[in-house]
Amino acid sequence: MTSTIVPLIINGREESSPATFDVVSPYTNQPCWSAVAATPQDAIRAVEAADAAFPAWSQTKPATRRDILLKAADLLEERLATCAEYMRTEMGADVGASQGFVVPLGIRMLREVASRTTSICGSVPVVEAEGQSAMIWKEAMGVIVGIVPWNAPYVFGVRSAACALAAGNTTILKSSEQTPRCYWAIARAFEDAGLPAGCLNVVSCRPQDAPDVVNAMIEHPAVRKINFTGSTAVGRKIAQTCGHNLKPCLMELGGKNSSIVCADAKLETAVQGVLAGAFLNSGQICMATDRILVHSSIALAFINAMKKALAAGAEASALPPTLVNTASKTRVEALISGAVAAGAHFISGSADTQLPADSGVRLAPTVLGGVKEDMAVWQEESFASVAACMVFETEDEAIRLANSSGYGLSASVFTEDLRKGLAMAKRIQSGAVHINSMTIHDEPILPHGGVKNSGWGRFNAEEGLNEFLVTKSVTWMD
């Protein structure tokens, strides 16, 4: 373990404390560094710092905010390799996922948000009364709290902080205890880009302290909105507290995402899209493909092609992909063993994969066949390199199976008939549907969010920026 201690950032200052917690790397299953453990009092100080910074920041010109965000993006790009290394160390991502996907996507999102800063404007409607006029203003809300997860920290941290700041708000990021150094790196880039003290604060804490730390911020009268990205179970608790305090919240929650492979699908495209969607970042993405639905007429050919592709991938890699921690692996192994005990079988993977003792927390990519609708592996989000496959006979059956999930974040349809794909997309209950590409798709110009148990509200694009603005009507007598 190194002697590095990841500090809090409150009012532009890095703060240390004797109270720390270990950050465990899944590569070694050993501590890689430690982080300062914030208390509810620390969280309140962060809110107070953001509240004090709000009047001045909200009055800055949009071009000023834009330039600071663009400078922060440049700094993150300069530090890309280091930032990606933090991510790999803390949560076990490979080079492709960290350096080739997550960090660059976060940088592109930051630049996109920056470009929208100068386009924030209201409108001038014509009101009913003679001799009266009106304007609609778009204004900053105040202090925003962002509660962010571990699996793609540079995406989630950037979009939470940048949208709030671009709209003229100040903010606090409550970072995941599993990736605190990634969130520190984001805040460091903003600070070095010239962001005034107090505009962006970062607090991390021990898991057992998180409810008190988060509730202290939600309940503070200066906090005007909360955005949360994470599990549906935790989202329910946060939404309940927000409701009790009459605070609006933006929720981007879990997913149980389906890829539908139609009879006329191009086999190579479908196999590539399904496997990438299932196993990118070890399946630890809310948009990952959990359910594979294949038409009976091509099921055998598809499964054989999938087996061949997975075998080739296993030969090319010395070790299976990592999972974030042993608790995650234990939970997923229970889902797999429960399904196999109830009659499912392995299309790929094994119940007794032998790994070296020092290989860290790893799980081979697993695809299960013979699954039933009542199995936990079919109903619960796995958040790992696991997918379940089921055969369907008709498009109506495929739509029913896809919509039977309580979630609704992302889906994909593989077909060579675009009209059919668009018709199916209309019927799928999901925040996004991707035709002939994987379920994992997040880019700055596309609104991102879900329906049903996957949450509400949207990040990204104009819809995402509007989440961080309040609309005010002003009238006057001419």
Protein backbone atom coordinates (compact mmCIF):
# COMPACT_ATOMS: atom_id res chain seq x y z
CA MET A 1 0.00 0.00 0.00
CA THR A 2 1.25 3.47 -0.82
CA SER A 3 1.24 6.32 1.70
CA THR A 4 -1.12 8.36 -0.51
CA ILE A 5 -4.16 9.78 1.26
CA VAL A 6 -6.88 11.19 -1.00
CA PRO A 7 -8.11 14.44 0.58
CA LEU A 8 -11.49 16.11 0.68
CA ILE A 9 -11.83 19.29 -1.35
CA ILE A 10 -13.85 21.96 0.45
CA ASN A 11 -13.85 25.63 -0.48
CA GLY A 12 -10.87 25.18 -2.79
CA ARG A 13 -8.67 23.57 -0.15
CA GLU A 14 -7.52 19.97 0.12
CA GLU A 15 -8.31 18.74 3.61
CA SER A 16 -6.72 15.85 5.45
CA SER A 17 -7.86 14.15 8.63
CA PRO A 18 -6.75 11.30 10.90
CA ALA A 19 -10.03 9.59 10.00
CA THR A 20 -9.42 7.61 6.80
CA PHE A 21 -10.56 4.43 5.08
CA ASP A 22 -8.71 2.02 2.81
CA VAL A 23 -9.35 1.91 -0.92
CA VAL A 24 -8.92 -1.70 -2.05
CA SER A 25 -7.76 -2.47 -5.58
CA PRO A 26 -9.47 -5.47 -7.21
CA TYR A 27 -6.23 -6.16 -9.11
CA THR A 28 -4.60 -7.30 -5.87
CA ASN A 29 -7.49 -7.35 -3.39
CA GLN A 30 -5.20 -5.21 -1.22
CA PRO A 31 -5.34 -1.51 -0.25
CA CYS A 32 -3.84 0.77 -2.91
CA TRP A 33 -4.21 4.00 -0.90
CA SER A 34 -6.53 5.55 1.65
CA ALA A 35 -8.99 8.43 1.58
CA VAL A 36 -10.20 10.93 4.14
CA ALA A 37 -13.50 9.88 5.69
CA ALA A 38 -15.86 12.83 5.74
CA THR A 39 -18.32 13.36 8.58
CA PRO A 40 -21.79 14.94 8.31
CA GLN A 41 -20.20 18.11 9.65
CA ASP A 42 -17.68 18.07 6.79
CA ALA A 43 -20.54 17.64 4.32
CA ILE A 44 -22.37 20.62 5.83
CA ARG A 45 -19.21 22.72 5.51
CA ALA A 46 -19.02 21.74 1.84
CA VAL A 47 -22.62 22.87 1.34
CA GLU A 48 -21.91 26.14 3.13
CA ALA A 49 -18.87 26.73 0.93
CA ALA A 50 -20.94 26.10 -2.19
CA ASP A 51 -23.69 28.37 -0.89
CA ALA A 52 -21.21 31.18 -0.23
CA ALA A 53 -19.72 30.82 -3.72
CA PHE A 54 -23.09 30.75 -5.50
CA PRO A 55 -23.95 34.47 -5.72
CA ALA A 56 -20.72 35.39 -7.50
CA TRP A 57 -20.55 32.28 -9.71
CA SER A 58 -24.18 32.58 -10.82
CA GLN A 59 -23.48 36.12 -12.03
CA THR A 60 -20.43 35.24 -14.12
CA LYS A 61 -20.85 35.63 -17.85
CA PRO A 62 -21.60 32.41 -19.73
CA ALA A 63 -18.42 32.81 -21.77
CA THR A 64 -16.39 32.86 -18.56
CA ARG A 65 -17.95 29.63 -17.38
CA ARG A 66 -17.46 28.12 -20.83
CA ASP A 67 -13.76 28.94 -20.90
CA ILE A 68 -13.13 27.43 -17.46
CA LEU A 69 -14.90 24.22 -18.44
CA LEU A 70 -12.95 24.01 -21.70
CA LYS A 71 -9.68 24.54 -19.82
CA ALA A 72 -10.63 21.77 -17.39
CA ALA A 73 -11.26 19.47 -20.36
CA ASP A 74 -7.82 20.32 -21.75
CA LEU A 75 -6.22 19.50 -18.41
CA LEU A 76 -8.02 16.17 -18.14
CA GLU A 77 -6.85 15.37 -21.65
CA GLU A 78 -3.26 16.19 -20.72
CA ARG A 79 -3.63 13.93 -17.67
CA LEU A 80 -5.55 11.20 -19.47
CA ALA A 81 -3.06 8.39 -18.85
CA THR A 82 -2.76 9.23 -15.15
CA CYS A 83 -6.51 9.55 -14.70
CA ALA A 84 -7.07 6.22 -16.43
CA GLU A 85 -4.46 4.60 -14.21
CA TYR A 86 -6.34 5.81 -11.12
CA MET A 87 -9.50 4.21 -12.50
CA ARG A 88 -7.78 0.91 -13.28
CA THR A 89 -6.20 0.75 -9.85
CA GLU A 90 -9.35 1.64 -7.92
CA MET A 91 -12.02 -0.38 -9.75
CA GLY A 92 -10.14 -2.81 -11.97
CA ALA A 93 -11.00 -1.52 -15.44
CA ASP A 94 -8.75 -2.57 -18.31
CA VAL A 95 -6.84 -0.13 -20.51
CA GLY A 96 -9.48 -0.20 -23.25
CA ALA A 97 -12.34 0.68 -20.90
CA SER A 98 -10.47 3.30 -18.89
CA GLN A 99 -8.05 5.02 -21.26
CA GLY A 100 -9.93 4.31 -24.47
CA PHE A 101 -13.54 4.80 -23.40
CA VAL A 102 -14.45 6.29 -20.01
CA VAL A 103 -11.93 9.11 -19.62
CA PRO A 104 -12.19 10.29 -23.28
CA LEU A 105 -15.99 10.19 -23.06
CA GLY A 106 -15.88 12.32 -19.92
CA ILE A 107 -13.67 14.85 -21.72
CA ARG A 108 -16.03 14.99 -24.71
CA MET A 109 -18.99 15.47 -22.39
CA LEU A 110 -17.22 18.33 -20.64
CA ARG A 111 -16.55 20.10 -23.93
CA GLU A 112 -20.12 19.57 -25.10
CA VAL A 113 -21.55 21.02 -21.87
CA ALA A 114 -19.14 23.95 -22.11
CA SER A 115 -20.33 24.69 -25.64
CA ARG A 116 -23.93 24.91 -24.45
CA THR A 117 -23.21 27.44 -21.71
CA THR A 118 -23.62 30.45 -23.99
CA SER A 119 -26.90 29.15 -25.44
CA ILE A 120 -28.88 29.34 -22.20
CA CYS A 121 -31.70 31.79 -22.80
CA GLY A 122 -35.36 32.38 -22.07
CA SER A 123 -38.25 33.49 -24.25
CA VAL A 124 -40.78 36.30 -24.75
CA PRO A 125 -44.32 34.91 -24.99
CA VAL A 126 -47.32 37.08 -25.85
CA VAL A 127 -49.70 37.19 -22.86
CA GLU A 128 -53.47 37.62 -22.92
CA ALA A 129 -53.92 41.00 -21.25
CA GLU A 130 -53.71 44.21 -23.24
CA GLY A 131 -50.90 46.48 -22.07
CA GLN A 132 -48.99 43.66 -20.40
CA SER A 133 -45.78 41.91 -21.45
CA ALA A 134 -43.81 38.93 -20.18
CA MET A 135 -40.45 37.19 -20.29
CA ILE A 136 -39.41 33.68 -19.33
CA TRP A 137 -36.01 33.51 -17.66
CA LYS A 138 -33.74 30.48 -17.19
CA GLU A 139 -31.83 30.83 -13.95
CA ALA A 140 -29.39 28.85 -11.85
CA MET A 141 -31.00 26.90 -9.02
CA GLY A 142 -28.38 27.22 -6.27
CA VAL A 143 -26.40 24.44 -4.60
CA ILE A 144 -26.59 21.03 -6.31
CA VAL A 145 -25.50 17.76 -4.71
CA GLY A 146 -24.26 15.03 -7.04
CA ILE A 147 -24.03 11.49 -5.65
CA VAL A 148 -21.87 9.50 -8.03
CA PRO A 149 -20.82 5.82 -8.40
CA TRP A 150 -17.56 3.99 -9.01
CA ASN A 151 -17.94 2.21 -12.36
CA ALA A 152 -17.34 5.11 -14.81
CA PRO A 153 -16.18 7.94 -12.53
CA TYR A 154 -14.94 10.37 -15.16
CA VAL A 155 -18.24 10.23 -17.03
CA PHE A 156 -20.47 10.50 -13.98
CA GLY A 157 -18.37 13.07 -12.16
CA VAL A 158 -17.98 15.30 -15.20
CA ARG A 159 -21.63 15.29 -16.23
CA SER A 160 -22.82 15.95 -12.67
CA ALA A 161 -20.35 18.75 -11.96
CA ALA A 162 -20.19 20.31 -15.43
CA CYS A 163 -23.95 20.57 -15.98
CA ALA A 164 -24.40 22.20 -12.59
CA LEU A 165 -21.52 24.64 -13.11
CA ALA A 166 -22.41 25.49 -16.71
CA ALA A 167 -25.89 26.51 -15.59
CA GLY A 168 -24.44 28.82 -12.94
CA ASN A 169 -24.91 26.55 -9.93
CA THR A 170 -22.34 25.48 -7.39
CA THR A 171 -22.02 21.86 -6.41
CA ILE A 172 -20.77 19.09 -4.16
CA LEU A 173 -19.79 15.66 -5.44
CA LYS A 174 -20.25 12.89 -2.92
CA SER A 175 -17.80 10.43 -4.45
CA SER A 176 -17.93 6.67 -4.33
CA GLU A 177 -15.76 5.23 -1.58
CA GLN A 178 -14.33 2.85 -4.19
CA THR A 179 -12.99 5.52 -6.58
CA PRO A 180 -12.23 8.65 -4.52
CA ARG A 181 -8.98 9.45 -6.32
CA CYS A 182 -10.75 9.61 -9.68
CA TYR A 183 -13.17 12.20 -8.33
CA TRP A 184 -10.34 14.10 -6.70
CA ALA A 185 -8.66 14.21 -10.13
CA ILE A 186 -11.78 15.72 -11.71
CA ALA A 187 -12.03 18.43 -9.07
CA ARG A 188 -8.29 19.10 -9.33
CA ALA A 189 -8.65 19.75 -13.07
CA PHE A 190 -11.49 22.24 -12.47
CA GLU A 191 -9.55 24.02 -9.74
CA ASP A 192 -6.42 24.23 -11.89
CA ALA A 193 -8.55 25.59 -14.75
CA GLY A 194 -9.45 28.60 -12.61
CA LEU A 195 -12.76 27.58 -11.05
CA PRO A 196 -13.33 29.81 -7.99
CA ALA A 197 -13.07 28.24 -4.56
CA GLY A 198 -16.27 26.67 -3.26
CA CYS A 199 -17.88 26.16 -6.67
CA LEU A 200 -16.97 22.46 -6.76
CA ASN A 201 -16.43 20.50 -3.55
CA VAL A 202 -15.71 16.79 -3.20
CA VAL A 203 -16.38 14.64 -0.14
CA SER A 204 -15.83 10.92 0.33
CA CYS A 205 -16.74 8.80 3.30
CA ARG A 206 -16.86 5.28 4.68
CA PRO A 207 -19.80 3.21 3.42
CA GLN A 208 -21.34 2.99 6.89
CA ASP A 209 -21.27 6.79 7.20
CA ALA A 210 -22.80 7.48 3.77
CA PRO A 211 -26.48 7.69 4.85
CA ASP A 212 -25.71 10.34 7.49
CA VAL A 213 -23.37 12.29 5.20
CA VAL A 214 -25.82 12.28 2.29
CA ASN A 215 -28.86 13.07 4.43
CA ALA A 216 -27.06 16.00 6.03
CA MET A 217 -26.61 17.55 2.61
CA ILE A 218 -30.11 16.79 1.32
CA GLU A 219 -31.66 18.28 4.43
CA HIS A 220 -29.57 21.46 4.31
CA PRO A 221 -31.81 24.38 3.25
CA ALA A 222 -29.21 25.72 0.79
CA VAL A 223 -29.34 22.54 -1.32
CA ARG A 224 -31.84 22.94 -4.16
CA LYS A 225 -31.49 19.70 -6.14
CA ILE A 226 -29.88 16.28 -5.98
CA ASN A 227 -28.70 14.10 -8.83
CA PHE A 228 -27.93 10.46 -8.19
CA THR A 229 -26.42 7.78 -10.38
CA GLY A 230 -26.35 4.30 -8.91
CA SER A 231 -28.42 1.32 -7.88
CA THR A 232 -32.19 1.34 -7.78
CA ALA A 233 -32.15 0.18 -4.15
CA VAL A 234 -30.08 3.16 -2.97
CA GLY A 235 -31.97 5.46 -5.34
CA ARG A 236 -35.23 4.62 -3.57
CA LYS A 237 -33.77 5.71 -0.24
CA ILE A 238 -32.36 8.95 -1.62
CA ALA A 239 -35.60 9.76 -3.44
CA GLN A 240 -37.53 9.16 -0.21
CA THR A 241 -35.34 11.63 1.67
CA CYS A 242 -35.61 14.13 -1.19
CA GLY A 243 -39.39 13.79 -1.16
CA HIS A 244 -39.58 14.32 2.57
CA ASN A 245 -37.55 17.51 2.16
CA LEU A 246 -39.40 18.57 -1.03
CA LYS A 247 -36.15 18.58 -3.01
CA PRO A 248 -36.26 17.67 -6.72
CA CYS A 249 -33.96 14.87 -7.78
CA LEU A 250 -32.57 13.48 -11.02
CA MET A 251 -32.26 9.69 -10.88
CA GLU A 252 -30.19 7.53 -13.23
CA LEU A 253 -30.56 4.05 -11.78
CA GLY A 254 -29.99 0.42 -12.68
CA GLY A 255 -30.88 -1.53 -15.77
CA LYS A 256 -31.77 -5.03 -16.92
CA ASN A 257 -31.12 -4.48 -20.57
CA SER A 258 -32.19 -6.71 -23.44
CA SER A 259 -30.64 -7.31 -26.84
CA ILE A 260 -33.16 -8.75 -29.30
CA VAL A 261 -31.63 -10.71 -32.19
CA CYS A 262 -34.24 -11.06 -34.94
CA ALA A 263 -34.42 -13.83 -37.52
CA ASP A 264 -33.03 -11.56 -40.23
CA ALA A 265 -30.16 -10.19 -38.15
CA LYS A 266 -26.67 -10.16 -39.61
CA LEU A 267 -25.00 -12.79 -37.43
CA GLU A 268 -21.55 -11.20 -37.19
CA THR A 269 -22.98 -7.79 -36.28
CA ALA A 270 -25.31 -9.27 -33.66
CA VAL A 271 -22.65 -11.42 -31.97
CA GLN A 272 -20.20 -8.54 -31.85
CA GLY A 273 -22.80 -6.11 -30.49
CA VAL A 274 -24.21 -8.49 -27.91
CA LEU A 275 -20.83 -9.52 -26.51
CA ALA A 276 -19.49 -5.97 -26.41
CA GLY A 277 -22.67 -4.84 -24.69
CA ALA A 278 -22.47 -7.65 -22.15
CA PHE A 279 -18.78 -7.57 -21.25
CA LEU A 280 -17.37 -4.07 -21.76
CA ASN A 281 -15.92 -2.88 -18.43
CA SER A 282 -16.60 -6.38 -17.08
CA GLY A 283 -20.32 -5.78 -17.52
CA GLN A 284 -20.14 -3.15 -14.79
CA ILE A 285 -22.16 -0.56 -16.70
CA CYS A 286 -25.81 0.23 -16.06
CA MET A 287 -26.52 -0.10 -19.81
CA ALA A 288 -24.82 -3.51 -20.11
CA THR A 289 -26.64 -6.37 -21.87
CA ASP A 290 -28.06 -8.70 -19.22
CA ARG A 291 -30.63 -10.47 -21.41
CA ILE A 292 -29.99 -11.94 -24.86
CA LEU A 293 -33.18 -12.74 -26.78
CA VAL A 294 -32.61 -14.78 -29.96
CA HIS A 295 -35.15 -15.90 -32.58
CA SER A 296 -35.48 -19.68 -32.66
CA SER A 297 -34.65 -19.92 -36.37
CA ILE A 298 -31.11 -18.63 -35.85
CA ALA A 299 -30.56 -19.55 -32.20
CA LEU A 300 -28.19 -22.46 -32.84
CA ALA A 301 -26.08 -20.54 -35.34
CA PHE A 302 -25.97 -17.48 -33.09
CA ILE A 303 -24.98 -19.46 -30.00
CA ASN A 304 -22.24 -21.33 -31.87
CA ALA A 305 -20.87 -18.06 -33.25
CA MET A 306 -20.99 -16.54 -29.78
CA LYS A 307 -19.12 -19.51 -28.30
CA LYS A 308 -16.45 -19.20 -30.96
CA ALA A 309 -16.00 -15.48 -30.33
CA LEU A 310 -15.81 -15.98 -26.55
CA ALA A 311 -13.28 -18.80 -26.92
CA ALA A 312 -11.11 -16.59 -29.14
CA GLY A 313 -11.28 -13.82 -26.58
CA ALA A 314 -10.31 -16.16 -23.74
CA GLU A 315 -7.25 -17.37 -25.69
CA ALA A 316 -6.16 -13.80 -26.30
CA SER A 317 -6.33 -12.82 -22.62
CA ALA A 318 -4.18 -14.31 -19.89
CA LEU A 319 -6.73 -13.64 -17.16
CA PRO A 320 -10.49 -13.02 -17.00
CA PRO A 321 -11.75 -9.47 -16.39
CA THR A 322 -11.84 -8.02 -12.88
CA LEU A 323 -14.85 -7.22 -10.74
CA VAL A 324 -14.82 -4.30 -8.36
CA ASN A 325 -14.67 -6.32 -5.12
CA THR A 326 -15.15 -9.75 -3.57
CA ALA A 327 -18.68 -8.92 -2.39
CA SER A 328 -19.73 -8.33 -5.99
CA LYS A 329 -18.16 -11.60 -7.12
CA THR A 330 -19.83 -13.56 -4.32
CA ARG A 331 -23.23 -12.09 -5.18
CA VAL A 332 -22.87 -12.84 -8.89
CA GLU A 333 -21.61 -16.37 -8.28
CA ALA A 334 -24.75 -16.97 -6.21
CA LEU A 335 -26.91 -15.77 -9.13
CA ILE A 336 -25.10 -18.16 -11.47
CA SER A 337 -25.17 -21.18 -9.16
CA GLY A 338 -28.83 -20.58 -8.33
CA ALA A 339 -29.74 -20.53 -12.01
CA VAL A 340 -27.73 -23.69 -12.79
CA ALA A 341 -29.29 -25.49 -9.82
CA ALA A 342 -32.72 -24.57 -11.22
CA GLY A 343 -31.96 -25.99 -14.67
CA ALA A 344 -29.90 -23.40 -16.57
CA HIS A 345 -26.67 -24.43 -18.30
CA PHE A 346 -23.41 -22.76 -19.29
CA ILE A 347 -23.13 -21.58 -22.87
CA SER A 348 -19.83 -20.01 -21.86
CA GLY A 349 -18.00 -19.98 -18.55
CA SER A 350 -17.77 -22.56 -15.81
CA ALA A 351 -18.67 -23.10 -12.19
CA ASP A 352 -15.13 -24.13 -11.25
CA THR A 353 -12.73 -21.77 -13.05
CA GLN A 354 -9.33 -22.03 -11.39
CA LEU A 355 -7.34 -18.81 -11.06
CA PRO A 356 -3.95 -18.04 -9.48
CA ALA A 357 -4.20 -17.00 -5.84
CA ASP A 358 -2.70 -13.58 -6.55
CA SER A 359 -4.88 -12.78 -9.57
CA GLY A 360 -7.25 -10.45 -7.71
CA VAL A 361 -11.04 -10.36 -8.03
CA ARG A 362 -11.90 -11.87 -11.42
CA LEU A 363 -14.79 -13.63 -13.12
CA ALA A 364 -14.73 -15.23 -16.55
CA PRO A 365 -17.34 -13.95 -19.02
CA THR A 366 -20.40 -16.13 -18.49
CA VAL A 367 -23.42 -16.72 -20.71
CA LEU A 368 -26.21 -18.95 -19.43
CA GLY A 369 -28.76 -20.80 -21.52
CA GLY A 370 -31.91 -22.62 -20.51
CA VAL A 371 -32.96 -19.79 -18.18
CA LYS A 372 -36.52 -19.26 -17.03
CA GLU A 373 -38.35 -16.01 -16.37
CA ASP A 374 -38.61 -16.64 -12.64
CA MET A 375 -34.84 -17.07 -12.15
CA ALA A 376 -33.04 -14.33 -10.23
CA VAL A 377 -30.36 -14.15 -12.93
CA TRP A 378 -33.10 -13.14 -15.40
CA GLN A 379 -34.79 -10.63 -13.09
CA GLU A 380 -31.97 -9.00 -11.09
CA GLU A 381 -29.26 -6.68 -12.37
CA SER A 382 -26.02 -8.68 -12.32
CA PHE A 383 -23.57 -5.78 -12.89
CA ALA A 384 -20.86 -8.24 -13.89
CA SER A 385 -19.61 -10.20 -16.89
CA VAL A 386 -22.77 -12.35 -16.94
CA ALA A 387 -25.63 -12.54 -19.42
CA ALA A 388 -28.57 -14.91 -19.81
CA CYS A 389 -29.90 -16.16 -23.15
CA MET A 390 -33.47 -17.06 -24.05
CA VAL A 391 -35.05 -18.12 -27.36
CA PHE A 392 -38.24 -16.50 -28.69
CA GLU A 393 -40.63 -17.41 -31.50
CA THR A 394 -42.37 -14.13 -32.37
CA GLU A 395 -41.61 -10.42 -32.17
CA ASP A 396 -44.52 -9.98 -29.77
CA GLU A 397 -42.92 -12.52 -27.44
CA ALA A 398 -39.56 -10.76 -27.65
CA ILE A 399 -41.15 -7.40 -26.81
CA ARG A 400 -43.04 -8.93 -23.89
CA LEU A 401 -39.85 -10.48 -22.50
CA ALA A 402 -37.89 -7.26 -22.88
CA ASN A 403 -40.63 -5.22 -21.20
CA SER A 404 -41.17 -7.73 -18.40
CA SER A 405 -38.21 -6.24 -16.58
CA GLY A 406 -39.00 -3.63 -13.97
CA TYR A 407 -36.17 -1.61 -15.45
CA GLY A 408 -36.07 0.50 -18.61
CA LEU A 409 -32.68 2.04 -19.32
CA SER A 410 -31.34 0.70 -22.62
CA ALA A 411 -32.08 -1.97 -25.24
CA SER A 412 -30.89 -3.05 -28.65
CA VAL A 413 -32.49 -4.70 -31.69
CA PHE A 414 -30.55 -6.52 -34.39
CA THR A 415 -32.34 -6.71 -37.73
CA GLU A 416 -31.63 -5.90 -41.38
CA ASP A 417 -35.12 -4.39 -41.69
CA LEU A 418 -34.91 -0.83 -40.38
CA ARG A 419 -38.68 -0.36 -40.50
CA LYS A 420 -39.13 -3.37 -38.27
CA GLY A 421 -36.38 -2.17 -35.96
CA LEU A 422 -37.99 1.24 -35.57
CA ALA A 423 -41.40 -0.33 -34.99
CA MET A 424 -39.94 -2.54 -32.25
CA ALA A 425 -38.11 0.42 -30.73
CA LYS A 426 -41.46 2.21 -30.31
CA ARG A 427 -42.82 -0.74 -28.33
CA ILE A 428 -39.82 -1.28 -26.05
CA GLN A 429 -40.18 0.48 -22.70
CA SER A 430 -36.72 1.98 -22.38
CA GLY A 431 -34.96 5.31 -22.26
CA ALA A 432 -32.90 4.31 -25.30
CA VAL A 433 -33.04 1.69 -28.05
CA HIS A 434 -30.10 1.04 -30.37
CA ILE A 435 -30.65 -0.73 -33.70
CA ASN A 436 -27.74 -2.93 -34.81
CA SER A 437 -25.39 -1.77 -32.05
CA MET A 438 -24.82 -2.62 -28.42
CA THR A 439 -26.96 -1.51 -25.49
CA ILE A 440 -24.03 0.52 -24.10
CA HIS A 441 -24.23 3.89 -25.81
CA ASP A 442 -23.67 7.22 -24.12
CA GLU A 443 -22.57 10.34 -25.96
CA PRO A 444 -22.83 14.04 -25.21
CA ILE A 445 -25.53 14.97 -27.74
CA LEU A 446 -27.96 12.20 -26.74
CA PRO A 447 -30.22 12.57 -23.68
CA HIS A 448 -29.46 9.77 -21.24
CA GLY A 449 -31.78 8.29 -18.63
CA GLY A 450 -34.41 5.65 -18.04
CA VAL A 451 -38.01 4.83 -17.28
CA LYS A 452 -39.68 2.60 -14.68
CA ASN A 453 -37.15 1.43 -12.06
CA SER A 454 -34.29 2.92 -14.05
CA GLY A 455 -35.18 6.40 -12.83
CA TRP A 456 -36.33 9.70 -14.29
CA GLY A 457 -34.86 12.87 -15.73
CA ARG A 458 -32.07 13.12 -18.28
CA PHE A 459 -28.38 13.90 -18.41
CA ASN A 460 -26.64 15.20 -21.57
CA ALA A 461 -27.64 17.60 -24.34
CA GLU A 462 -30.22 20.38 -23.90
CA GLU A 463 -32.47 18.22 -21.72
CA GLY A 464 -29.57 17.56 -19.36
CA LEU A 465 -28.65 21.21 -18.97
CA ASN A 466 -32.29 22.16 -18.35
CA GLU A 467 -32.32 19.75 -15.39
CA PHE A 468 -30.03 22.24 -13.63
CA LEU A 469 -32.01 25.40 -14.43
CA VAL A 470 -35.18 26.86 -12.96
CA THR A 471 -37.76 28.59 -15.15
CA LYS A 472 -39.07 31.94 -13.94
CA SER A 473 -42.00 33.90 -15.42
CA VAL A 474 -41.81 37.71 -15.21
CA THR A 475 -44.65 40.03 -16.26
CA TRP A 476 -45.02 43.80 -16.28
CA MET A 477 -47.50 46.44 -17.30
CA ASP A 478 -46.27 48.38 -20.32
